Amino acid sequence: MPQLDTVHIDAPFGGGFLDSAANLDRYRTLLDLAAQAALSPEESRSFIQHVVRDLRD
């Protein structure tokens, strides 16, 4: 992922920008954790197919 120098955050009560080095480091850490927890494309398809089958039953 390219280095981020500014991040725009949207929230229910407004938005804001992160541009300090400390905040950007925390944001990169969150992105890395999300990427590690994410399913692979094949696992995602299988999971969605499983949910669809369960909803049809």
PDB file of N, CA and C in Angstrom:
ATOM      1  N   MET A   1       0.855  -1.171   0.000  1.00  0.00           N
ATOM      2  CA  MET A   1       0.000   0.000   0.000  1.00  0.00           C
ATOM      3  C   MET A   1       0.902   1.236   0.000  1.00  0.00           C
ATOM      4  N   PRO A   2       0.561   2.222  -0.798  1.00  0.00           N
ATOM      5  CA  PRO A   2       1.370   3.444  -0.802  1.00  0.00           C
ATOM      6  C   PRO A   2       1.293   4.150   0.554  1.00  0.00           C
ATOM      7  N   GLN A   3       2.321   4.902   0.848  1.00  0.00           N
ATOM      8  CA  GLN A   3       2.324   5.665   2.093  1.00  0.00           C
ATOM      9  C   GLN A   3       1.227   6.723   2.051  1.00  0.00           C
ATOM     10  N   LEU A   4       0.492   6.804   3.128  1.00  0.00           N
ATOM     11  CA  LEU A   4      -0.588   7.778   3.239  1.00  0.00           C
ATOM     12  C   LEU A   4      -0.048   9.047   3.888  1.00  0.00           C
ATOM     13  N   ASP A   5      -0.447  10.207   3.366  1.00  0.00           N
ATOM     14  CA  ASP A   5      -0.059  11.445   4.030  1.00  0.00           C
ATOM     15  C   ASP A   5      -1.265  12.171   4.603  1.00  0.00           C
ATOM     16  N   THR A   6      -2.464  11.785   4.158  1.00  0.00           N
ATOM     17  CA  THR A   6      -3.707  12.329   4.700  1.00  0.00           C
ATOM     18  C   THR A   6      -4.803  11.280   4.523  1.00  0.00           C
ATOM     19  N   VAL A   7      -5.619  11.123   5.547  1.00  0.00           N
ATOM     20  CA  VAL A   7      -6.749  10.200   5.486  1.00  0.00           C
ATOM     21  C   VAL A   7      -7.996  10.974   5.859  1.00  0.00           C
ATOM     22  N   HIS A   8      -9.062  10.789   5.080  1.00  0.00           N
ATOM     23  CA  HIS A   8     -10.348  11.395   5.413  1.00  0.00           C
ATOM     24  C   HIS A   8     -11.200  10.348   6.091  1.00  0.00           C
ATOM     25  N   ILE A   9     -11.738  10.689   7.258  1.00  0.00           N
ATOM     26  CA  ILE A   9     -12.575   9.788   8.045  1.00  0.00           C
ATOM     27  C   ILE A   9     -14.003  10.315   8.014  1.00  0.00           C
ATOM     28  N   ASP A  10     -14.954   9.434   7.674  1.00  0.00           N
ATOM     29  CA  ASP A  10     -16.372   9.770   7.750  1.00  0.00           C
ATOM     30  C   ASP A  10     -16.968   9.085   8.965  1.00  0.00           C
ATOM     31  N   ALA A  11     -17.817   9.789   9.672  1.00  0.00           N
ATOM     32  CA  ALA A  11     -18.486   9.243  10.848  1.00  0.00           C
ATOM     33  C   ALA A  11     -19.926   9.755  10.857  1.00  0.00           C
ATOM     34  N   PRO A  12     -20.799   9.115  11.631  1.00  0.00           N
ATOM     35  CA  PRO A  12     -22.206   9.535  11.643  1.00  0.00           C
ATOM     36  C   PRO A  12     -22.412  11.008  12.009  1.00  0.00           C
ATOM     37  N   PHE A  13     -21.513  11.569  12.798  1.00  0.00           N
ATOM     38  CA  PHE A  13     -21.693  12.952  13.250  1.00  0.00           C
ATOM     39  C   PHE A  13     -20.672  13.904  12.654  1.00  0.00           C
ATOM     40  N   GLY A  14     -20.153  13.571  11.496  1.00  0.00           N
ATOM     41  CA  GLY A  14     -19.197  14.451  10.829  1.00  0.00           C
ATOM     42  C   GLY A  14     -17.973  13.678  10.383  1.00  0.00           C
ATOM     43  N   GLY A  15     -17.070  14.376   9.811  1.00  0.00           N
ATOM     44  CA  GLY A  15     -15.855  13.755   9.309  1.00  0.00           C
ATOM     45  C   GLY A  15     -14.642  14.557   9.727  1.00  0.00           C
ATOM     46  N   GLY A  16     -13.525  14.105   9.293  1.00  0.00           N
ATOM     47  CA  GLY A  16     -12.303  14.817   9.614  1.00  0.00           C
ATOM     48  C   GLY A  16     -11.144  14.239   8.845  1.00  0.00           C
ATOM     49  N   PHE A  17     -10.005  14.846   9.019  1.00  0.00           N
ATOM     50  CA  PHE A  17      -8.793  14.413   8.344  1.00  0.00           C
ATOM     51  C   PHE A  17      -7.752  14.011   9.375  1.00  0.00           C
ATOM     52  N   LEU A  18      -7.017  12.956   9.057  1.00  0.00           N
ATOM     53  CA  LEU A  18      -5.860  12.557   9.847  1.00  0.00           C
ATOM     54  C   LEU A  18      -4.629  12.911   9.029  1.00  0.00           C
ATOM     55  N   ASP A  19      -3.738  13.670   9.614  1.00  0.00           N
ATOM     56  CA  ASP A  19      -2.532  14.007   8.865  1.00  0.00           C
ATOM     57  C   ASP A  19      -1.269  14.032   9.715  1.00  0.00           C
ATOM     58  N   SER A  20      -1.406  13.790  11.021  1.00  0.00           N
ATOM     59  CA  SER A  20      -0.201  13.732  11.860  1.00  0.00           C
ATOM     60  C   SER A  20       0.427  12.352  11.723  1.00  0.00           C
ATOM     61  N   ALA A  21       1.714  12.278  11.900  1.00  0.00           N
ATOM     62  CA  ALA A  21       2.433  11.010  11.761  1.00  0.00           C
ATOM     63  C   ALA A  21       1.886   9.951  12.728  1.00  0.00           C
ATOM     64  N   ALA A  22       1.593  10.354  13.958  1.00  0.00           N
ATOM     65  CA  ALA A  22       1.093   9.395  14.956  1.00  0.00           C
ATOM     66  C   ALA A  22      -0.267   8.839  14.548  1.00  0.00           C
ATOM     67  N   ASN A  23      -1.174   9.701  14.110  1.00  0.00           N
ATOM     68  CA  ASN A  23      -2.497   9.242  13.683  1.00  0.00           C
ATOM     69  C   ASN A  23      -2.414   8.370  12.438  1.00  0.00           C
ATOM     70  N   LEU A  24      -1.549   8.724  11.506  1.00  0.00           N
ATOM     71  CA  LEU A  24      -1.396   7.922  10.298  1.00  0.00           C
ATOM     72  C   LEU A  24      -0.805   6.560  10.621  1.00  0.00           C
ATOM     73  N   ASP A  25       0.117   6.501  11.562  1.00  0.00           N
ATOM     74  CA  ASP A  25       0.666   5.209  11.984  1.00  0.00           C
ATOM     75  C   ASP A  25      -0.423   4.328  12.581  1.00  0.00           C
ATOM     76  N   ARG A  26      -1.276   4.900  13.429  1.00  0.00           N
ATOM     77  CA  ARG A  26      -2.381   4.130  14.012  1.00  0.00           C
ATOM     78  C   ARG A  26      -3.340   3.661  12.927  1.00  0.00           C
ATOM     79  N   TYR A  27      -3.618   4.524  11.947  1.00  0.00           N
ATOM     80  CA  TYR A  27      -4.525   4.155  10.858  1.00  0.00           C
ATOM     81  C   TYR A  27      -3.926   3.014  10.032  1.00  0.00           C
ATOM     82  N   ARG A  28      -2.637   3.092   9.729  1.00  0.00           N
ATOM     83  CA  ARG A  28      -1.964   2.010   8.981  1.00  0.00           C
ATOM     84  C   ARG A  28      -2.046   0.700   9.760  1.00  0.00           C
ATOM     85  N   THR A  29      -1.876   0.772  11.073  1.00  0.00           N
ATOM     86  CA  THR A  29      -1.976  -0.426  11.900  1.00  0.00           C
ATOM     87  C   THR A  29      -3.366  -1.033  11.803  1.00  0.00           C
ATOM     88  N   LEU A  30      -4.398  -0.191  11.862  1.00  0.00           N
ATOM     89  CA  LEU A  30      -5.772  -0.689  11.731  1.00  0.00           C
ATOM     90  C   LEU A  30      -6.000  -1.329  10.362  1.00  0.00           C
ATOM     91  N   LEU A  31      -5.478  -0.715   9.308  1.00  0.00           N
ATOM     92  CA  LEU A  31      -5.620  -1.303   7.971  1.00  0.00           C
ATOM     93  C   LEU A  31      -4.911  -2.646   7.895  1.00  0.00           C
ATOM     94  N   ASP A  32      -3.723  -2.733   8.475  1.00  0.00           N
ATOM     95  CA  ASP A  32      -2.988  -3.998   8.482  1.00  0.00           C
ATOM     96  C   ASP A  32      -3.750  -5.079   9.239  1.00  0.00           C
ATOM     97  N   LEU A  33      -4.327  -4.736  10.386  1.00  0.00           N
ATOM     98  CA  LEU A  33      -5.098  -5.703  11.166  1.00  0.00           C
ATOM     99  C   LEU A  33      -6.338  -6.160  10.399  1.00  0.00           C
ATOM    100  N   ALA A  34      -7.003  -5.238   9.732  1.00  0.00           N
ATOM    101  CA  ALA A  34      -8.177  -5.606   8.931  1.00  0.00           C
ATOM    102  C   ALA A  34      -7.786  -6.530   7.789  1.00  0.00           C
ATOM    103  N   ALA A  35      -6.668  -6.254   7.142  1.00  0.00           N
ATOM    104  CA  ALA A  35      -6.207  -7.102   6.039  1.00  0.00           C
ATOM    105  C   ALA A  35      -5.864  -8.500   6.544  1.00  0.00           C
ATOM    106  N   GLN A  36      -5.268  -8.602   7.721  1.00  0.00           N
ATOM    107  CA  GLN A  36      -4.927  -9.907   8.287  1.00  0.00           C
ATOM    108  C   GLN A  36      -6.168 -10.709   8.661  1.00  0.00           C
ATOM    109  N   ALA A  37      -7.226 -10.016   9.088  1.00  0.00           N
ATOM    110  CA  ALA A  37      -8.448 -10.695   9.519  1.00  0.00           C
ATOM    111  C   ALA A  37      -9.371 -11.039   8.359  1.00  0.00           C
ATOM    112  N   ALA A  38      -9.164 -10.417   7.218  1.00  0.00           N
ATOM    113  CA  ALA A  38     -10.065 -10.598   6.080  1.00  0.00           C
ATOM    114  C   ALA A  38      -9.951 -12.004   5.499  1.00  0.00           C
ATOM    115  N   LEU A  39     -11.072 -12.475   4.986  1.00  0.00           N
ATOM    116  CA  LEU A  39     -11.083 -13.746   4.271  1.00  0.00           C
ATOM    117  C   LEU A  39     -10.464 -13.574   2.896  1.00  0.00           C
ATOM    118  N   SER A  40      -9.949 -14.653   2.356  1.00  0.00           N
ATOM    119  CA  SER A  40      -9.462 -14.616   0.974  1.00  0.00           C
ATOM    120  C   SER A  40     -10.672 -14.507   0.040  1.00  0.00           C
ATOM    121  N   PRO A  41     -10.464 -14.166  -1.223  1.00  0.00           N
ATOM    122  CA  PRO A  41     -11.604 -14.109  -2.154  1.00  0.00           C
ATOM    123  C   PRO A  41     -12.374 -15.432  -2.205  1.00  0.00           C
ATOM    124  N   GLU A  42     -11.658 -16.557  -2.219  1.00  0.00           N
ATOM    125  CA  GLU A  42     -12.327 -17.858  -2.263  1.00  0.00           C
ATOM    126  C   GLU A  42     -13.120 -18.113  -0.983  1.00  0.00           C
ATOM    127  N   GLU A  43     -12.518 -17.782   0.175  1.00  0.00           N
ATOM    128  CA  GLU A  43     -13.217 -17.952   1.446  1.00  0.00           C
ATOM    129  C   GLU A  43     -14.436 -17.042   1.537  1.00  0.00           C
ATOM    130  N   SER A  44     -14.335 -15.835   0.988  1.00  0.00           N
ATOM    131  CA  SER A  44     -15.471 -14.903   0.987  1.00  0.00           C
ATOM    132  C   SER A  44     -16.616 -15.464   0.169  1.00  0.00           C
ATOM    133  N   ARG A  45     -16.303 -15.978  -1.028  1.00  0.00           N
ATOM    134  CA  ARG A  45     -17.359 -16.569  -1.870  1.00  0.00           C
ATOM    135  C   ARG A  45     -18.030 -17.729  -1.163  1.00  0.00           C
ATOM    136  N   SER A  46     -17.235 -18.592  -0.566  1.00  0.00           N
ATOM    137  CA  SER A  46     -17.783 -19.747   0.139  1.00  0.00           C
ATOM    138  C   SER A  46     -18.662 -19.304   1.307  1.00  0.00           C
ATOM    139  N   PHE A  47     -18.205 -18.326   2.064  1.00  0.00           N
ATOM    140  CA  PHE A  47     -18.980 -17.822   3.197  1.00  0.00           C
ATOM    141  C   PHE A  47     -20.311 -17.235   2.732  1.00  0.00           C
ATOM    142  N   ILE A  48     -20.279 -16.431   1.691  1.00  0.00           N
ATOM    143  CA  ILE A  48     -21.509 -15.807   1.174  1.00  0.00           C
ATOM    144  C   ILE A  48     -22.464 -16.875   0.660  1.00  0.00           C
ATOM    145  N   GLN A  49     -21.941 -17.866  -0.049  1.00  0.00           N
ATOM    146  CA  GLN A  49     -22.792 -18.951  -0.536  1.00  0.00           C
ATOM    147  C   GLN A  49     -23.431 -19.702   0.628  1.00  0.00           C
ATOM    148  N   HIS A  50     -22.679 -19.922   1.685  1.00  0.00           N
ATOM    149  CA  HIS A  50     -23.204 -20.592   2.871  1.00  0.00           C
ATOM    150  C   HIS A  50     -24.331 -19.767   3.509  1.00  0.00           C
ATOM    151  N   VAL A  51     -24.137 -18.468   3.635  1.00  0.00           N
ATOM    152  CA  VAL A  51     -25.159 -17.595   4.221  1.00  0.00           C
ATOM    153  C   VAL A  51     -26.417 -17.603   3.354  1.00  0.00           C
ATOM    154  N   VAL A  52     -26.250 -17.535   2.041  1.00  0.00           N
ATOM    155  CA  VAL A  52     -27.407 -17.550   1.131  1.00  0.00           C
ATOM    156  C   VAL A  52     -28.178 -18.860   1.281  1.00  0.00           C
ATOM    157  N   ARG A  53     -27.471 -19.979   1.356  1.00  0.00           N
ATOM    158  CA  ARG A  53     -28.141 -21.276   1.531  1.00  0.00           C
ATOM    159  C   ARG A  53     -28.906 -21.298   2.851  1.00  0.00           C
ATOM    160  N   ASP A  54     -28.287 -20.800   3.909  1.00  0.00           N
ATOM    161  CA  ASP A  54     -28.972 -20.765   5.208  1.00  0.00           C
ATOM    162  C   ASP A  54     -30.217 -19.893   5.180  1.00  0.00           C
ATOM    163  N   LEU A  55     -30.155 -18.777   4.464  1.00  0.00           N
ATOM    164  CA  LEU A  55     -31.315 -17.875   4.408  1.00  0.00           C
ATOM    165  C   LEU A  55     -32.444 -18.476   3.585  1.00  0.00           C
ATOM    166  N   ARG A  56     -32.122 -19.318   2.624  1.00  0.00           N
ATOM    167  CA  ARG A  56     -33.154 -19.946   1.783  1.00  0.00           C
ATOM    168  C   ARG A  56     -33.857 -21.087   2.509  1.00  0.00           C
ATOM    169  N   ASP A  57     -33.184 -21.678   3.478  1.00  0.00           N
ATOM    170  CA  ASP A  57     -33.774 -22.823   4.206  1.00  0.00           C
ATOM    171  C   ASP A  57     -34.785 -22.380   5.224  1.00  0.00           C
TER     172      ASP A  57
END
